[in-house]
PDB file of all heavy atoms in Angstrom:
ATOM      1  N   THR A   1      -3.738   7.106  13.452  1.00  0.00           N
ATOM      2  CA  THR A   1      -3.120   7.159  14.834  1.00  0.00           C
ATOM      3  C   THR A   1      -3.996   7.901  15.878  1.00  0.00           C
ATOM      4  O   THR A   1      -4.214   9.034  15.660  1.00  0.00           O
ATOM      5  CB  THR A   1      -1.743   7.958  14.668  1.00  0.00           C
ATOM      6  OG1 THR A   1      -0.926   7.332  13.769  1.00  0.00           O
ATOM      7  CG2 THR A   1      -1.044   7.905  16.082  1.00  0.00           C
ATOM      8  N   PRO A   2      -4.453   7.190  16.816  1.00  0.00           N
ATOM      9  CA  PRO A   2      -5.221   7.862  17.950  1.00  0.00           C
ATOM     10  C   PRO A   2      -4.522   9.048  18.579  1.00  0.00           C
ATOM     11  O   PRO A   2      -3.348   8.904  18.780  1.00  0.00           O
ATOM     12  CB  PRO A   2      -5.604   6.763  18.962  1.00  0.00           C
ATOM     13  CG  PRO A   2      -5.431   5.501  18.131  1.00  0.00           C
ATOM     14  CD  PRO A   2      -4.240   5.683  17.217  1.00  0.00           C
ATOM     15  N   LEU A   3      -5.197  10.009  18.751  1.00  0.00           N
ATOM     16  CA  LEU A   3      -4.598  11.370  19.443  1.00  0.00           C
ATOM     17  C   LEU A   3      -5.163  11.518  20.833  1.00  0.00           C
ATOM     18  O   LEU A   3      -4.441  12.328  21.597  1.00  0.00           O
ATOM     19  CB  LEU A   3      -4.943  12.483  18.524  1.00  0.00           C
ATOM     20  CG  LEU A   3      -4.383  12.612  17.224  1.00  0.00           C
ATOM     21  CD1 LEU A   3      -4.858  13.759  16.336  1.00  0.00           C
ATOM     22  CD2 LEU A   3      -2.856  12.541  17.190  1.00  0.00           C
ATOM     23  N   GLY A   4      -6.207  10.917  21.210  1.00  0.00           N
ATOM     24  CA  GLY A   4      -6.891  11.191  22.526  1.00  0.00           C
ATOM     25  C   GLY A   4      -7.672   9.992  22.800  1.00  0.00           C
ATOM     26  O   GLY A   4      -8.047   9.183  22.126  1.00  0.00           O
ATOM     27  N   PHE A   5      -7.935   9.953  24.243  1.00  0.00           N
ATOM     28  CA  PHE A   5      -8.862   8.867  24.728  1.00  0.00           C
ATOM     29  C   PHE A   5     -10.240   9.047  24.351  1.00  0.00           C
ATOM     30  O   PHE A   5     -10.995   8.194  23.768  1.00  0.00           O
ATOM     31  CB  PHE A   5      -8.654   8.683  26.210  1.00  0.00           C
ATOM     32  CG  PHE A   5      -9.749   7.878  26.852  1.00  0.00           C
ATOM     33  CD1 PHE A   5      -9.908   6.502  26.723  1.00  0.00           C
ATOM     34  CD2 PHE A   5     -10.798   8.424  27.641  1.00  0.00           C
ATOM     35  CE1 PHE A   5     -10.860   5.653  27.184  1.00  0.00           C
ATOM     36  CE2 PHE A   5     -11.793   7.732  28.174  1.00  0.00           C
ATOM     37  CZ  PHE A   5     -11.790   6.323  27.975  1.00  0.00           C
ATOM     38  N   ALA A   6     -10.781  10.225  24.563  1.00  0.00           N
ATOM     39  CA  ALA A   6     -12.200  10.518  24.350  1.00  0.00           C
ATOM     40  C   ALA A   6     -12.475  10.811  22.913  1.00  0.00           C
ATOM     41  O   ALA A   6     -13.636  10.341  22.419  1.00  0.00           O
ATOM     42  CB  ALA A   6     -12.541  11.753  25.136  1.00  0.00           C
ATOM     43  N   ALA A   7     -11.598  11.290  22.154  1.00  0.00           N
ATOM     44  CA  ALA A   7     -11.897  11.513  20.746  1.00  0.00           C
ATOM     45  C   ALA A   7     -10.507  11.814  20.042  1.00  0.00           C
ATOM     46  O   ALA A   7      -9.513  12.077  20.735  1.00  0.00           O
ATOM     47  CB  ALA A   7     -12.840  12.598  20.455  1.00  0.00           C
ATOM     48  N   GLY A   8     -10.494  11.853  18.699  1.00  0.00           N
ATOM     49  CA  GLY A   8      -9.299  12.336  17.956  1.00  0.00           C
ATOM     50  C   GLY A   8      -8.490  11.177  17.359  1.00  0.00           C
ATOM     51  O   GLY A   8      -7.939  10.326  18.121  1.00  0.00           O
ATOM     52  N   ALA A   9      -8.123  11.258  16.119  1.00  0.00           N
ATOM     53  CA  ALA A   9      -7.210  10.472  15.435  1.00  0.00           C
ATOM     54  C   ALA A   9      -6.712  11.237  14.285  1.00  0.00           C
ATOM     55  O   ALA A   9      -7.302  11.957  13.667  1.00  0.00           O
ATOM     56  CB  ALA A   9      -7.869   9.143  14.975  1.00  0.00           C
ATOM     57  N   GLN A  10      -5.343  10.947  13.967  1.00  0.00           N
ATOM     58  CA  GLN A  10      -4.600  11.575  12.923  1.00  0.00           C
ATOM     59  C   GLN A  10      -4.705  10.509  11.669  1.00  0.00           C
ATOM     60  O   GLN A  10      -4.377   9.298  11.920  1.00  0.00           O
ATOM     61  CB  GLN A  10      -3.252  11.983  13.291  1.00  0.00           C
ATOM     62  CG  GLN A  10      -2.443  12.529  12.204  1.00  0.00           C
ATOM     63  CD  GLN A  10      -1.140  12.966  12.604  1.00  0.00           C
ATOM     64  OE1 GLN A  10      -0.839  14.090  12.993  1.00  0.00           O
ATOM     65  NE2 GLN A  10      -0.105  12.035  12.579  1.00  0.00           N
ATOM     66  N   ILE A  11      -4.892  11.065  10.539  1.00  0.00           N
ATOM     67  CA  ILE A  11      -4.764  10.195   9.286  1.00  0.00           C
ATOM     68  C   ILE A  11      -3.763  10.746   8.311  1.00  0.00           C
ATOM     69  O   ILE A  11      -3.871  11.837   7.879  1.00  0.00           O
ATOM     70  CB  ILE A  11      -6.104  10.076   8.628  1.00  0.00           C
ATOM     71  CG1 ILE A  11      -7.196   9.349   9.563  1.00  0.00           C
ATOM     72  CG2 ILE A  11      -6.003   9.206   7.360  1.00  0.00           C
ATOM     73  CD1 ILE A  11      -8.427   9.083   8.910  1.00  0.00           C
ATOM     74  N   ARG A  12      -2.684   9.916   8.095  1.00  0.00           N
ATOM     75  CA  ARG A  12      -1.763  10.201   7.112  1.00  0.00           C
ATOM     76  C   ARG A  12      -1.698   9.228   5.962  1.00  0.00           C
ATOM     77  O   ARG A  12      -2.316   8.226   6.122  1.00  0.00           O
ATOM     78  CB  ARG A  12      -0.297  10.247   7.732  1.00  0.00           C
ATOM     79  CG  ARG A  12      -0.175  11.442   8.677  1.00  0.00           C
ATOM     80  CD  ARG A  12       1.327  11.649   9.197  1.00  0.00           C
ATOM     81  NE  ARG A  12       1.616  12.783   9.980  1.00  0.00           N
ATOM     82  CZ  ARG A  12       1.995  14.007   9.481  1.00  0.00           C
ATOM     83  NH1 ARG A  12       2.028  14.166   8.181  1.00  0.00           N
ATOM     84  NH2 ARG A  12       2.201  15.118  10.276  1.00  0.00           N
ATOM     85  N   GLY A  13      -1.015   9.556   4.984  1.00  0.00           N
ATOM     86  CA  GLY A  13      -0.767   8.609   3.856  1.00  0.00           C
ATOM     87  C   GLY A  13      -2.000   8.842   2.811  1.00  0.00           C
ATOM     88  O   GLY A  13      -2.165   7.894   2.031  1.00  0.00           O
ATOM     89  N   ILE A  14      -2.633   9.992   2.716  1.00  0.00           N
ATOM     90  CA  ILE A  14      -3.571  10.293   1.759  1.00  0.00           C
ATOM     91  C   ILE A  14      -3.432  11.774   1.328  1.00  0.00           C
ATOM     92  O   ILE A  14      -3.190  12.654   2.186  1.00  0.00           O
ATOM     93  CB  ILE A  14      -4.936  10.004   2.334  1.00  0.00           C
ATOM     94  CG1 ILE A  14      -6.052  10.166   1.265  1.00  0.00           C
ATOM     95  CG2 ILE A  14      -5.336  10.904   3.517  1.00  0.00           C
ATOM     96  CD1 ILE A  14      -7.428   9.647   1.705  1.00  0.00           C
ATOM     97  N   ASP A  15      -3.740  12.037   0.074  1.00  0.00           N
ATOM     98  CA  ASP A  15      -3.618  13.435  -0.481  1.00  0.00           C
ATOM     99  C   ASP A  15      -5.142  13.698  -0.870  1.00  0.00           C
ATOM    100  O   ASP A  15      -5.673  13.178  -1.832  1.00  0.00           O
ATOM    101  CB  ASP A  15      -2.769  13.384  -1.813  1.00  0.00           C
ATOM    102  CG  ASP A  15      -2.659  14.746  -2.429  1.00  0.00           C
ATOM    103  OD1 ASP A  15      -3.397  15.657  -1.903  1.00  0.00           O
ATOM    104  OD2 ASP A  15      -1.833  14.980  -3.225  1.00  0.00           O
ATOM    105  N   LEU A  16      -5.734  14.632  -0.031  1.00  0.00           N
ATOM    106  CA  LEU A  16      -7.127  14.928  -0.284  1.00  0.00           C
ATOM    107  C   LEU A  16      -7.439  15.670  -1.495  1.00  0.00           C
ATOM    108  O   LEU A  16      -8.616  15.860  -1.796  1.00  0.00           O
ATOM    109  CB  LEU A  16      -7.711  15.605   0.934  1.00  0.00           C
ATOM    110  CG  LEU A  16      -7.566  14.959   2.398  1.00  0.00           C
ATOM    111  CD1 LEU A  16      -8.195  15.673   3.411  1.00  0.00           C
ATOM    112  CD2 LEU A  16      -8.201  13.422   2.192  1.00  0.00           C
ATOM    113  N   ARG A  17      -6.312  16.142  -2.262  1.00  0.00           N
ATOM    114  CA  ARG A  17      -6.674  16.817  -3.506  1.00  0.00           C
ATOM    115  C   ARG A  17      -7.070  15.858  -4.632  1.00  0.00           C
ATOM    116  O   ARG A  17      -7.752  16.242  -5.667  1.00  0.00           O
ATOM    117  CB  ARG A  17      -5.347  17.553  -3.954  1.00  0.00           C
ATOM    118  CG  ARG A  17      -4.847  18.618  -3.092  1.00  0.00           C
ATOM    119  CD  ARG A  17      -3.554  19.129  -3.496  1.00  0.00           C
ATOM    120  NE  ARG A  17      -2.453  18.131  -3.357  1.00  0.00           N
ATOM    121  CZ  ARG A  17      -1.178  18.323  -3.719  1.00  0.00           C
ATOM    122  NH1 ARG A  17      -0.779  19.525  -4.084  1.00  0.00           N
ATOM    123  NH2 ARG A  17      -0.317  17.362  -3.556  1.00  0.00           N
ATOM    124  N   LYS A  18      -6.786  14.527  -4.391  1.00  0.00           N
ATOM    125  CA  LYS A  18      -7.110  13.545  -5.442  1.00  0.00           C
ATOM    126  C   LYS A  18      -8.407  12.928  -5.083  1.00  0.00           C
ATOM    127  O   LYS A  18      -8.876  12.950  -3.790  1.00  0.00           O
ATOM    128  CB  LYS A  18      -6.096  12.449  -5.398  1.00  0.00           C
ATOM    129  CG  LYS A  18      -4.671  12.900  -5.764  1.00  0.00           C
ATOM    130  CD  LYS A  18      -3.608  11.878  -5.711  1.00  0.00           C
ATOM    131  CE  LYS A  18      -2.287  12.316  -6.122  1.00  0.00           C
ATOM    132  NZ  LYS A  18      -1.214  11.260  -5.931  1.00  0.00           N
ATOM    133  N   PRO A  19      -9.135  12.522  -6.015  1.00  0.00           N
ATOM    134  CA  PRO A  19     -10.476  11.716  -5.755  1.00  0.00           C
ATOM    135  C   PRO A  19     -10.302  10.587  -4.831  1.00  0.00           C
ATOM    136  O   PRO A  19      -9.363   9.894  -4.871  1.00  0.00           O
ATOM    137  CB  PRO A  19     -10.909  11.233  -7.144  1.00  0.00           C
ATOM    138  CG  PRO A  19     -10.134  12.153  -8.133  1.00  0.00           C
ATOM    139  CD  PRO A  19      -8.818  12.448  -7.485  1.00  0.00           C
ATOM    140  N   LEU A  20     -11.212  10.487  -3.923  1.00  0.00           N
ATOM    141  CA  LEU A  20     -11.192   9.574  -2.857  1.00  0.00           C
ATOM    142  C   LEU A  20     -11.786   8.171  -3.340  1.00  0.00           C
ATOM    143  O   LEU A  20     -12.850   8.055  -3.850  1.00  0.00           O
ATOM    144  CB  LEU A  20     -12.013  10.029  -1.578  1.00  0.00           C
ATOM    145  CG  LEU A  20     -11.871   9.299  -0.362  1.00  0.00           C
ATOM    146  CD1 LEU A  20     -10.531   9.451   0.345  1.00  0.00           C
ATOM    147  CD2 LEU A  20     -12.943   9.875   0.646  1.00  0.00           C
ATOM    148  N   SER A  21     -10.962   7.183  -3.101  1.00  0.00           N
ATOM    149  CA  SER A  21     -11.441   5.871  -3.539  1.00  0.00           C
ATOM    150  C   SER A  21     -12.540   5.355  -2.645  1.00  0.00           C
ATOM    151  O   SER A  21     -12.595   5.824  -1.461  1.00  0.00           O
ATOM    152  CB  SER A  21     -10.337   4.827  -3.589  1.00  0.00           C
ATOM    153  OG  SER A  21      -9.820   4.457  -2.242  1.00  0.00           O
ATOM    154  N   ASP A  22     -13.314   4.391  -3.051  1.00  0.00           N
ATOM    155  CA  ASP A  22     -14.270   3.819  -2.291  1.00  0.00           C
ATOM    156  C   ASP A  22     -13.807   3.051  -0.991  1.00  0.00           C
ATOM    157  O   ASP A  22     -14.258   3.195   0.072  1.00  0.00           O
ATOM    158  CB  ASP A  22     -15.225   2.784  -3.044  1.00  0.00           C
ATOM    159  CG  ASP A  22     -16.061   3.446  -4.135  1.00  0.00           C
ATOM    160  OD1 ASP A  22     -16.286   4.701  -4.111  1.00  0.00           O
ATOM    161  OD2 ASP A  22     -16.550   2.724  -5.119  1.00  0.00           O
ATOM    162  N   ALA A  23     -12.728   2.501  -1.169  1.00  0.00           N
ATOM    163  CA  ALA A  23     -11.983   1.687  -0.047  1.00  0.00           C
ATOM    164  C   ALA A  23     -11.547   2.745   1.098  1.00  0.00           C
ATOM    165  O   ALA A  23     -11.767   2.491   2.191  1.00  0.00           O
ATOM    166  CB  ALA A  23     -10.809   0.917  -0.583  1.00  0.00           C
ATOM    167  N   ASP A  24     -10.905   3.849   0.570  1.00  0.00           N
ATOM    168  CA  ASP A  24     -10.402   4.834   1.481  1.00  0.00           C
ATOM    169  C   ASP A  24     -11.618   5.571   2.162  1.00  0.00           C
ATOM    170  O   ASP A  24     -11.597   5.797   3.387  1.00  0.00           O
ATOM    171  CB  ASP A  24      -9.564   5.885   0.826  1.00  0.00           C
ATOM    172  CG  ASP A  24      -8.136   5.332   0.531  1.00  0.00           C
ATOM    173  OD1 ASP A  24      -7.772   4.286   1.064  1.00  0.00           O
ATOM    174  OD2 ASP A  24      -7.377   5.995  -0.154  1.00  0.00           O
ATOM    175  N   GLN A  25     -12.691   5.743   1.359  1.00  0.00           N
ATOM    176  CA  GLN A  25     -13.861   6.377   1.941  1.00  0.00           C
ATOM    177  C   GLN A  25     -14.485   5.500   3.080  1.00  0.00           C
ATOM    178  O   GLN A  25     -14.729   6.071   4.205  1.00  0.00           O
ATOM    179  CB  GLN A  25     -14.835   6.639   0.921  1.00  0.00           C
ATOM    180  CG  GLN A  25     -16.087   7.516   1.362  1.00  0.00           C
ATOM    181  CD  GLN A  25     -17.139   6.812   2.145  1.00  0.00           C
ATOM    182  OE1 GLN A  25     -17.269   5.604   1.930  1.00  0.00           O
ATOM    183  NE2 GLN A  25     -17.970   7.557   2.809  1.00  0.00           N
ATOM    184  N   ARG A  26     -14.549   4.260   2.830  1.00  0.00           N
ATOM    185  CA  ARG A  26     -15.040   3.296   3.906  1.00  0.00           C
ATOM    186  C   ARG A  26     -14.185   3.371   5.148  1.00  0.00           C
ATOM    187  O   ARG A  26     -14.649   3.323   6.350  1.00  0.00           O
ATOM    188  CB  ARG A  26     -15.152   1.841   3.342  1.00  0.00           C
ATOM    189  CG  ARG A  26     -16.295   1.721   2.450  1.00  0.00           C
ATOM    190  CD  ARG A  26     -16.554   0.315   2.075  1.00  0.00           C
ATOM    191  NE  ARG A  26     -15.503  -0.197   1.257  1.00  0.00           N
ATOM    192  CZ  ARG A  26     -15.471  -0.267  -0.021  1.00  0.00           C
ATOM    193  NH1 ARG A  26     -16.405   0.263  -0.798  1.00  0.00           N
ATOM    194  NH2 ARG A  26     -14.370  -0.877  -0.555  1.00  0.00           N
ATOM    195  N   LEU A  27     -12.775   3.315   4.970  1.00  0.00           N
ATOM    196  CA  LEU A  27     -11.871   3.282   6.101  1.00  0.00           C
ATOM    197  C   LEU A  27     -11.988   4.638   6.931  1.00  0.00           C
ATOM    198  O   LEU A  27     -12.043   4.628   8.226  1.00  0.00           O
ATOM    199  CB  LEU A  27     -10.517   3.159   5.582  1.00  0.00           C
ATOM    200  CG  LEU A  27     -10.082   1.689   5.319  1.00  0.00           C
ATOM    201  CD1 LEU A  27      -8.708   1.662   4.550  1.00  0.00           C
ATOM    202  CD2 LEU A  27     -10.128   0.685   6.472  1.00  0.00           C
ATOM    203  N   ILE A  28     -12.105   5.732   6.155  1.00  0.00           N
ATOM    204  CA  ILE A  28     -12.163   7.028   6.772  1.00  0.00           C
ATOM    205  C   ILE A  28     -13.540   7.121   7.657  1.00  0.00           C
ATOM    206  O   ILE A  28     -13.574   7.580   8.793  1.00  0.00           O
ATOM    207  CB  ILE A  28     -12.058   8.140   5.831  1.00  0.00           C
ATOM    208  CG1 ILE A  28     -10.560   8.234   5.288  1.00  0.00           C
ATOM    209  CG2 ILE A  28     -12.369   9.542   6.531  1.00  0.00           C
ATOM    210  CD1 ILE A  28     -10.390   9.165   4.065  1.00  0.00           C
ATOM    211  N   ASN A  29     -14.577   6.637   7.021  1.00  0.00           N
ATOM    212  CA  ASN A  29     -15.906   6.713   7.616  1.00  0.00           C
ATOM    213  C   ASN A  29     -15.879   5.915   8.907  1.00  0.00           C
ATOM    214  O   ASN A  29     -16.380   6.290   9.924  1.00  0.00           O
ATOM    215  CB  ASN A  29     -16.945   6.392   6.705  1.00  0.00           C
ATOM    216  CG  ASN A  29     -18.361   6.707   7.225  1.00  0.00           C
ATOM    217  OD1 ASN A  29     -18.741   7.907   7.196  1.00  0.00           O
ATOM    218  ND2 ASN A  29     -19.053   5.635   7.766  1.00  0.00           N
ATOM    219  N   ALA A  30     -15.274   4.628   8.810  1.00  0.00           N
ATOM    220  CA  ALA A  30     -15.144   3.788  10.031  1.00  0.00           C
ATOM    221  C   ALA A  30     -14.356   4.495  11.170  1.00  0.00           C
ATOM    222  O   ALA A  30     -14.791   4.465  12.266  1.00  0.00           O
ATOM    223  CB  ALA A  30     -14.656   2.490   9.697  1.00  0.00           C
ATOM    224  N   ALA A  31     -13.258   5.152  10.772  1.00  0.00           N
ATOM    225  CA  ALA A  31     -12.490   5.820  11.757  1.00  0.00           C
ATOM    226  C   ALA A  31     -13.119   6.944  12.400  1.00  0.00           C
ATOM    227  O   ALA A  31     -13.108   7.382  13.572  1.00  0.00           O
ATOM    228  CB  ALA A  31     -11.132   6.355  11.140  1.00  0.00           C
ATOM    229  N   TRP A  32     -13.921   7.640  11.542  1.00  0.00           N
ATOM    230  CA  TRP A  32     -14.691   8.853  11.926  1.00  0.00           C
ATOM    231  C   TRP A  32     -15.633   8.451  12.959  1.00  0.00           C
ATOM    232  O   TRP A  32     -15.870   9.126  13.962  1.00  0.00           O
ATOM    233  CB  TRP A  32     -15.457   9.402  10.668  1.00  0.00           C
ATOM    234  CG  TRP A  32     -16.053  10.777  10.833  1.00  0.00           C
ATOM    235  CD1 TRP A  32     -15.644  11.831  11.553  1.00  0.00           C
ATOM    236  CD2 TRP A  32     -17.248  11.067  10.160  1.00  0.00           C
ATOM    237  NE1 TRP A  32     -16.589  12.936  11.408  1.00  0.00           N
ATOM    238  CE2 TRP A  32     -17.541  12.459  10.601  1.00  0.00           C
ATOM    239  CE3 TRP A  32     -18.200  10.413   9.384  1.00  0.00           C
ATOM    240  CZ2 TRP A  32     -18.646  13.229   9.978  1.00  0.00           C
ATOM    241  CZ3 TRP A  32     -19.335  11.193   8.885  1.00  0.00           C
ATOM    242  CH2 TRP A  32     -19.533  12.541   9.262  1.00  0.00           C
ATOM    243  N   LEU A  33     -16.470   7.398  12.808  1.00  0.00           N
ATOM    244  CA  LEU A  33     -17.411   6.818  13.660  1.00  0.00           C
ATOM    245  C   LEU A  33     -16.846   6.435  15.070  1.00  0.00           C
ATOM    246  O   LEU A  33     -17.405   6.620  16.144  1.00  0.00           O
ATOM    247  CB  LEU A  33     -18.309   5.651  13.171  1.00  0.00           C
ATOM    248  CG  LEU A  33     -19.095   6.023  11.921  1.00  0.00           C
ATOM    249  CD1 LEU A  33     -19.859   4.745  11.427  1.00  0.00           C
ATOM    250  CD2 LEU A  33     -20.101   7.124  12.208  1.00  0.00           C
ATOM    251  N   GLU A  34     -15.596   5.923  14.925  1.00  0.00           N
ATOM    252  CA  GLU A  34     -14.859   5.409  16.176  1.00  0.00           C
ATOM    253  C   GLU A  34     -14.217   6.601  17.017  1.00  0.00           C
ATOM    254  O   GLU A  34     -14.344   6.585  18.166  1.00  0.00           O
ATOM    255  CB  GLU A  34     -13.705   4.439  15.828  1.00  0.00           C
ATOM    256  CG  GLU A  34     -12.896   3.932  16.998  1.00  0.00           C
ATOM    257  CD  GLU A  34     -11.913   2.897  16.607  1.00  0.00           C
ATOM    258  OE1 GLU A  34     -11.776   2.587  15.389  1.00  0.00           O
ATOM    259  OE2 GLU A  34     -11.146   2.448  17.505  1.00  0.00           O
ATOM    260  N   HIS A  35     -13.575   7.464  16.233  1.00  0.00           N
ATOM    261  CA  HIS A  35     -12.789   8.574  16.888  1.00  0.00           C
ATOM    262  C   HIS A  35     -13.485   9.893  16.912  1.00  0.00           C
ATOM    263  O   HIS A  35     -12.951  10.772  17.635  1.00  0.00           O
ATOM    264  CB  HIS A  35     -11.379   8.647  16.224  1.00  0.00           C
ATOM    265  CG  HIS A  35     -10.692   7.229  16.179  1.00  0.00           C
ATOM    266  ND1 HIS A  35      -9.995   7.062  17.309  1.00  0.00           N
ATOM    267  CD2 HIS A  35     -10.344   6.565  15.315  1.00  0.00           C
ATOM    268  CE1 HIS A  35      -9.419   5.933  17.206  1.00  0.00           C
ATOM    269  NE2 HIS A  35      -9.506   5.518  15.829  1.00  0.00           N
ATOM    270  N   ILE A  36     -14.626   9.989  16.294  1.00  0.00           N
ATOM    271  CA  ILE A  36     -15.383  11.329  16.321  1.00  0.00           C
ATOM    272  C   ILE A  36     -14.736  12.476  15.455  1.00  0.00           C
ATOM    273  O   ILE A  36     -15.240  13.245  14.788  1.00  0.00           O
ATOM    274  CB  ILE A  36     -15.714  11.713  17.620  1.00  0.00           C
ATOM    275  CG1 ILE A  36     -16.608  10.535  18.449  1.00  0.00           C
ATOM    276  CG2 ILE A  36     -16.551  12.984  17.749  1.00  0.00           C
ATOM    277  CD1 ILE A  36     -16.963  10.784  19.845  1.00  0.00           C
ATOM    278  N   VAL A  37     -13.420  12.696  15.864  1.00  0.00           N
ATOM    279  CA  VAL A  37     -12.672  13.793  15.356  1.00  0.00           C
ATOM    280  C   VAL A  37     -11.542  13.286  14.496  1.00  0.00           C
ATOM    281  O   VAL A  37     -10.642  12.516  15.101  1.00  0.00           O
ATOM    282  CB  VAL A  37     -12.157  14.831  16.288  1.00  0.00           C
ATOM    283  CG1 VAL A  37     -11.499  16.016  15.621  1.00  0.00           C
ATOM    284  CG2 VAL A  37     -13.366  15.300  17.171  1.00  0.00           C
ATOM    285  N   LEU A  38     -11.415  13.686  13.224  1.00  0.00           N
ATOM    286  CA  LEU A  38     -10.210  13.136  12.381  1.00  0.00           C
ATOM    287  C   LEU A  38      -9.347  14.283  11.892  1.00  0.00           C
ATOM    288  O   LEU A  38      -9.898  15.300  11.466  1.00  0.00           O
ATOM    289  CB  LEU A  38     -10.717  12.261  11.201  1.00  0.00           C
ATOM    290  CG  LEU A  38     -11.492  11.052  11.491  1.00  0.00           C
ATOM    291  CD1 LEU A  38     -11.814  10.368  10.097  1.00  0.00           C
ATOM    292  CD2 LEU A  38     -10.639  10.145  12.373  1.00  0.00           C
ATOM    293  N   VAL A  39      -8.073  14.214  11.991  1.00  0.00           N
ATOM    294  CA  VAL A  39      -7.104  15.239  11.507  1.00  0.00           C
ATOM    295  C   VAL A  39      -6.306  14.844  10.415  1.00  0.00           C
ATOM    296  O   VAL A  39      -5.719  13.736  10.450  1.00  0.00           O
ATOM    297  CB  VAL A  39      -6.247  15.668  12.669  1.00  0.00           C
ATOM    298  CG1 VAL A  39      -5.348  16.808  12.289  1.00  0.00           C
ATOM    299  CG2 VAL A  39      -7.048  16.108  13.953  1.00  0.00           C
TER     300      VAL A  39
END
């Protein structure tokens, strides 16, 4: 969910205590490049 125009997005639906799957890693990295800041 985007949080701001210039930067910022929130990511829910994931437990970071668990090993990160390759698919989730790719999605998070793409969101990171787009939104700059992820919460």
